[in-house]
Amino acid sequence: MSDETPDAGPLADLWGRAETAWAMSDFPEYGSPAWDALDESDPRKLAAMLSAAEKWHQATGGDPWGSA
């Protein structure tokens, strides 16, 4: 096991850019051909996944486990 702390910089950068794309609705629909064509490092790909997750969350009543 390594004692080194991983560099969170690239992930934090991707997350920040994805949040901006999500807020601006600047991304293709999750699972669409346009989404599939995006590079894995494109923040719009993550933004589309976040949007799809939020739509699912709302469609299921906001609690995916059905807890009271």
N, C-alpha and C. Protein backbone atom coordinates (compact mmCIF):
# COMPACT_ATOMS: atom_id res chain seq x y z
N MET A 1 0.85 -1.17 0.00
CA MET A 1 0.00 0.00 0.00
C MET A 1 0.89 1.23 0.00
N SER A 2 0.53 2.21 -0.79
CA SER A 2 1.33 3.43 -0.90
C SER A 2 0.88 4.46 0.13
N ASP A 3 1.83 5.20 0.66
CA ASP A 3 1.53 6.27 1.61
C ASP A 3 1.30 7.60 0.88
N GLU A 4 1.46 7.59 -0.43
CA GLU A 4 1.30 8.81 -1.20
C GLU A 4 -0.17 9.19 -1.33
N THR A 5 -0.43 10.47 -1.23
CA THR A 5 -1.77 10.98 -1.43
C THR A 5 -1.95 11.28 -2.90
N PRO A 6 -3.01 10.75 -3.52
CA PRO A 6 -3.20 11.01 -4.95
C PRO A 6 -3.46 12.50 -5.21
N ASP A 7 -3.07 12.96 -6.38
CA ASP A 7 -3.28 14.34 -6.78
C ASP A 7 -4.74 14.51 -7.19
N ALA A 8 -5.48 15.27 -6.41
CA ALA A 8 -6.90 15.50 -6.69
C ALA A 8 -7.11 16.62 -7.69
N GLY A 9 -6.05 17.30 -8.09
CA GLY A 9 -6.15 18.44 -9.00
C GLY A 9 -6.92 18.15 -10.28
N PRO A 10 -6.54 17.11 -11.05
CA PRO A 10 -7.26 16.85 -12.30
C PRO A 10 -8.73 16.52 -12.08
N LEU A 11 -9.04 15.76 -11.04
CA LEU A 11 -10.44 15.42 -10.77
C LEU A 11 -11.22 16.66 -10.33
N ALA A 12 -10.62 17.46 -9.48
CA ALA A 12 -11.28 18.69 -9.03
C ALA A 12 -11.53 19.62 -10.21
N ASP A 13 -10.58 19.69 -11.13
CA ASP A 13 -10.73 20.53 -12.32
C ASP A 13 -11.87 20.02 -13.20
N LEU A 14 -11.90 18.70 -13.45
CA LEU A 14 -12.97 18.12 -14.26
C LEU A 14 -14.33 18.36 -13.60
N TRP A 15 -14.41 18.15 -12.30
CA TRP A 15 -15.67 18.34 -11.58
C TRP A 15 -16.15 19.79 -11.69
N GLY A 16 -15.24 20.73 -11.51
CA GLY A 16 -15.59 22.14 -11.61
C GLY A 16 -16.09 22.52 -13.00
N ARG A 17 -15.42 22.02 -14.02
CA ARG A 17 -15.85 22.32 -15.40
C ARG A 17 -17.17 21.63 -15.72
N ALA A 18 -17.39 20.43 -15.17
CA ALA A 18 -18.65 19.73 -15.38
C ALA A 18 -19.80 20.48 -14.72
N GLU A 19 -19.57 21.01 -13.52
CA GLU A 19 -20.60 21.79 -12.84
C GLU A 19 -20.98 23.02 -13.66
N THR A 20 -20.00 23.66 -14.26
CA THR A 20 -20.27 24.83 -15.10
C THR A 20 -21.08 24.43 -16.32
N ALA A 21 -20.70 23.35 -16.98
CA ALA A 21 -21.45 22.88 -18.15
C ALA A 21 -22.86 22.50 -17.76
N TRP A 22 -23.03 21.86 -16.61
CA TRP A 22 -24.35 21.46 -16.14
C TRP A 22 -25.22 22.69 -15.87
N ALA A 23 -24.65 23.68 -15.19
CA ALA A 23 -25.40 24.89 -14.86
C ALA A 23 -25.83 25.65 -16.11
N MET A 24 -25.03 25.55 -17.16
CA MET A 24 -25.34 26.26 -18.41
C MET A 24 -26.13 25.38 -19.38
N SER A 25 -26.44 24.15 -18.98
CA SER A 25 -27.11 23.17 -19.85
C SER A 25 -26.36 22.99 -21.17
N ASP A 26 -25.05 22.99 -21.08
CA ASP A 26 -24.19 22.86 -22.25
C ASP A 26 -23.64 21.44 -22.36
N PHE A 27 -24.55 20.48 -22.65
CA PHE A 27 -24.13 19.10 -22.77
C PHE A 27 -25.20 18.33 -23.54
N PRO A 28 -24.81 17.25 -24.23
CA PRO A 28 -25.80 16.43 -24.94
C PRO A 28 -26.54 15.52 -23.96
N GLU A 29 -27.63 14.97 -24.40
CA GLU A 29 -28.40 14.05 -23.56
C GLU A 29 -27.58 12.79 -23.28
N TYR A 30 -27.63 12.36 -22.02
CA TYR A 30 -26.91 11.16 -21.59
C TYR A 30 -27.32 9.97 -22.46
N GLY A 31 -26.34 9.25 -22.95
CA GLY A 31 -26.58 8.05 -23.74
C GLY A 31 -26.81 8.31 -25.23
N SER A 32 -26.92 9.56 -25.63
CA SER A 32 -27.15 9.89 -27.04
C SER A 32 -25.87 9.67 -27.84
N PRO A 33 -25.99 9.59 -29.16
CA PRO A 33 -24.77 9.47 -29.98
C PRO A 33 -23.79 10.63 -29.75
N ALA A 34 -24.32 11.84 -29.55
CA ALA A 34 -23.45 12.99 -29.30
C ALA A 34 -22.71 12.83 -27.98
N TRP A 35 -23.39 12.30 -26.98
CA TRP A 35 -22.76 12.05 -25.68
C TRP A 35 -21.69 10.97 -25.82
N ASP A 36 -22.03 9.91 -26.54
CA ASP A 36 -21.09 8.81 -26.73
C ASP A 36 -19.84 9.25 -27.47
N ALA A 37 -19.97 10.23 -28.36
CA ALA A 37 -18.83 10.71 -29.14
C ALA A 37 -17.88 11.60 -28.33
N LEU A 38 -18.33 12.09 -27.17
CA LEU A 38 -17.47 12.93 -26.34
C LEU A 38 -16.31 12.12 -25.77
N ASP A 39 -15.17 12.77 -25.66
CA ASP A 39 -14.01 12.14 -25.03
C ASP A 39 -14.31 11.92 -23.54
N GLU A 40 -13.74 10.88 -22.97
CA GLU A 40 -13.99 10.58 -21.56
C GLU A 40 -13.57 11.72 -20.63
N SER A 41 -12.64 12.54 -21.06
CA SER A 41 -12.18 13.65 -20.23
C SER A 41 -12.98 14.94 -20.45
N ASP A 42 -13.97 14.89 -21.33
CA ASP A 42 -14.78 16.08 -21.60
C ASP A 42 -15.76 16.30 -20.45
N PRO A 43 -15.73 17.47 -19.81
CA PRO A 43 -16.61 17.70 -18.66
C PRO A 43 -18.09 17.65 -19.01
N ARG A 44 -18.43 17.84 -20.27
CA ARG A 44 -19.84 17.75 -20.68
C ARG A 44 -20.37 16.32 -20.54
N LYS A 45 -19.48 15.34 -20.65
CA LYS A 45 -19.90 13.95 -20.47
C LYS A 45 -20.33 13.72 -19.02
N LEU A 46 -19.55 14.21 -18.07
CA LEU A 46 -19.90 14.11 -16.66
C LEU A 46 -21.15 14.93 -16.36
N ALA A 47 -21.26 16.12 -16.94
CA ALA A 47 -22.45 16.96 -16.72
C ALA A 47 -23.72 16.24 -17.16
N ALA A 48 -23.67 15.54 -18.29
CA ALA A 48 -24.83 14.79 -18.76
C ALA A 48 -25.18 13.66 -17.80
N MET A 49 -24.16 13.01 -17.24
CA MET A 49 -24.41 11.95 -16.27
C MET A 49 -25.03 12.51 -15.00
N LEU A 50 -24.55 13.68 -14.55
CA LEU A 50 -25.13 14.31 -13.37
C LEU A 50 -26.59 14.70 -13.63
N SER A 51 -26.88 15.20 -14.82
CA SER A 51 -28.25 15.58 -15.16
C SER A 51 -29.16 14.36 -15.18
N ALA A 52 -28.70 13.27 -15.78
CA ALA A 52 -29.50 12.05 -15.83
C ALA A 52 -29.74 11.51 -14.42
N ALA A 53 -28.73 11.58 -13.58
CA ALA A 53 -28.89 11.11 -12.19
C ALA A 53 -29.91 11.96 -11.45
N GLU A 54 -29.88 13.26 -11.66
CA GLU A 54 -30.84 14.15 -11.00
C GLU A 54 -32.26 13.89 -11.49
N LYS A 55 -32.42 13.66 -12.79
CA LYS A 55 -33.75 13.34 -13.34
C LYS A 55 -34.27 12.04 -12.74
N TRP A 56 -33.40 11.04 -12.61
CA TRP A 56 -33.80 9.77 -12.02
C TRP A 56 -34.18 9.98 -10.55
N HIS A 57 -33.39 10.76 -9.86
CA HIS A 57 -33.64 11.06 -8.45
C HIS A 57 -35.03 11.69 -8.28
N GLN A 58 -35.35 12.65 -9.12
CA GLN A 58 -36.65 13.31 -9.05
C GLN A 58 -37.79 12.37 -9.44
N ALA A 59 -37.56 11.53 -10.45
CA ALA A 59 -38.60 10.62 -10.93
C ALA A 59 -38.93 9.54 -9.91
N THR A 60 -37.97 9.22 -9.04
CA THR A 60 -38.20 8.17 -8.04
C THR A 60 -38.62 8.76 -6.69
N GLY A 61 -38.97 10.02 -6.69
CA GLY A 61 -39.42 10.63 -5.46
C GLY A 61 -38.29 11.16 -4.59
N GLY A 62 -37.09 11.18 -5.11
CA GLY A 62 -35.98 11.75 -4.37
C GLY A 62 -35.28 10.82 -3.41
N ASP A 63 -35.76 9.60 -3.25
CA ASP A 63 -35.11 8.66 -2.32
C ASP A 63 -34.97 7.31 -3.02
N PRO A 64 -33.80 7.02 -3.59
CA PRO A 64 -33.62 5.80 -4.35
C PRO A 64 -33.77 4.51 -3.55
N TRP A 65 -33.66 4.60 -2.22
CA TRP A 65 -33.77 3.40 -1.39
C TRP A 65 -35.14 3.28 -0.72
N GLY A 66 -36.00 4.25 -0.91
CA GLY A 66 -37.34 4.18 -0.36
C GLY A 66 -37.41 4.32 1.14
N SER A 67 -36.40 4.91 1.73
CA SER A 67 -36.38 5.09 3.18
C SER A 67 -37.41 6.14 3.60
N ALA A 68 -37.89 5.99 4.80
CA ALA A 68 -38.86 6.97 5.33
C ALA A 68 -38.14 8.16 5.91
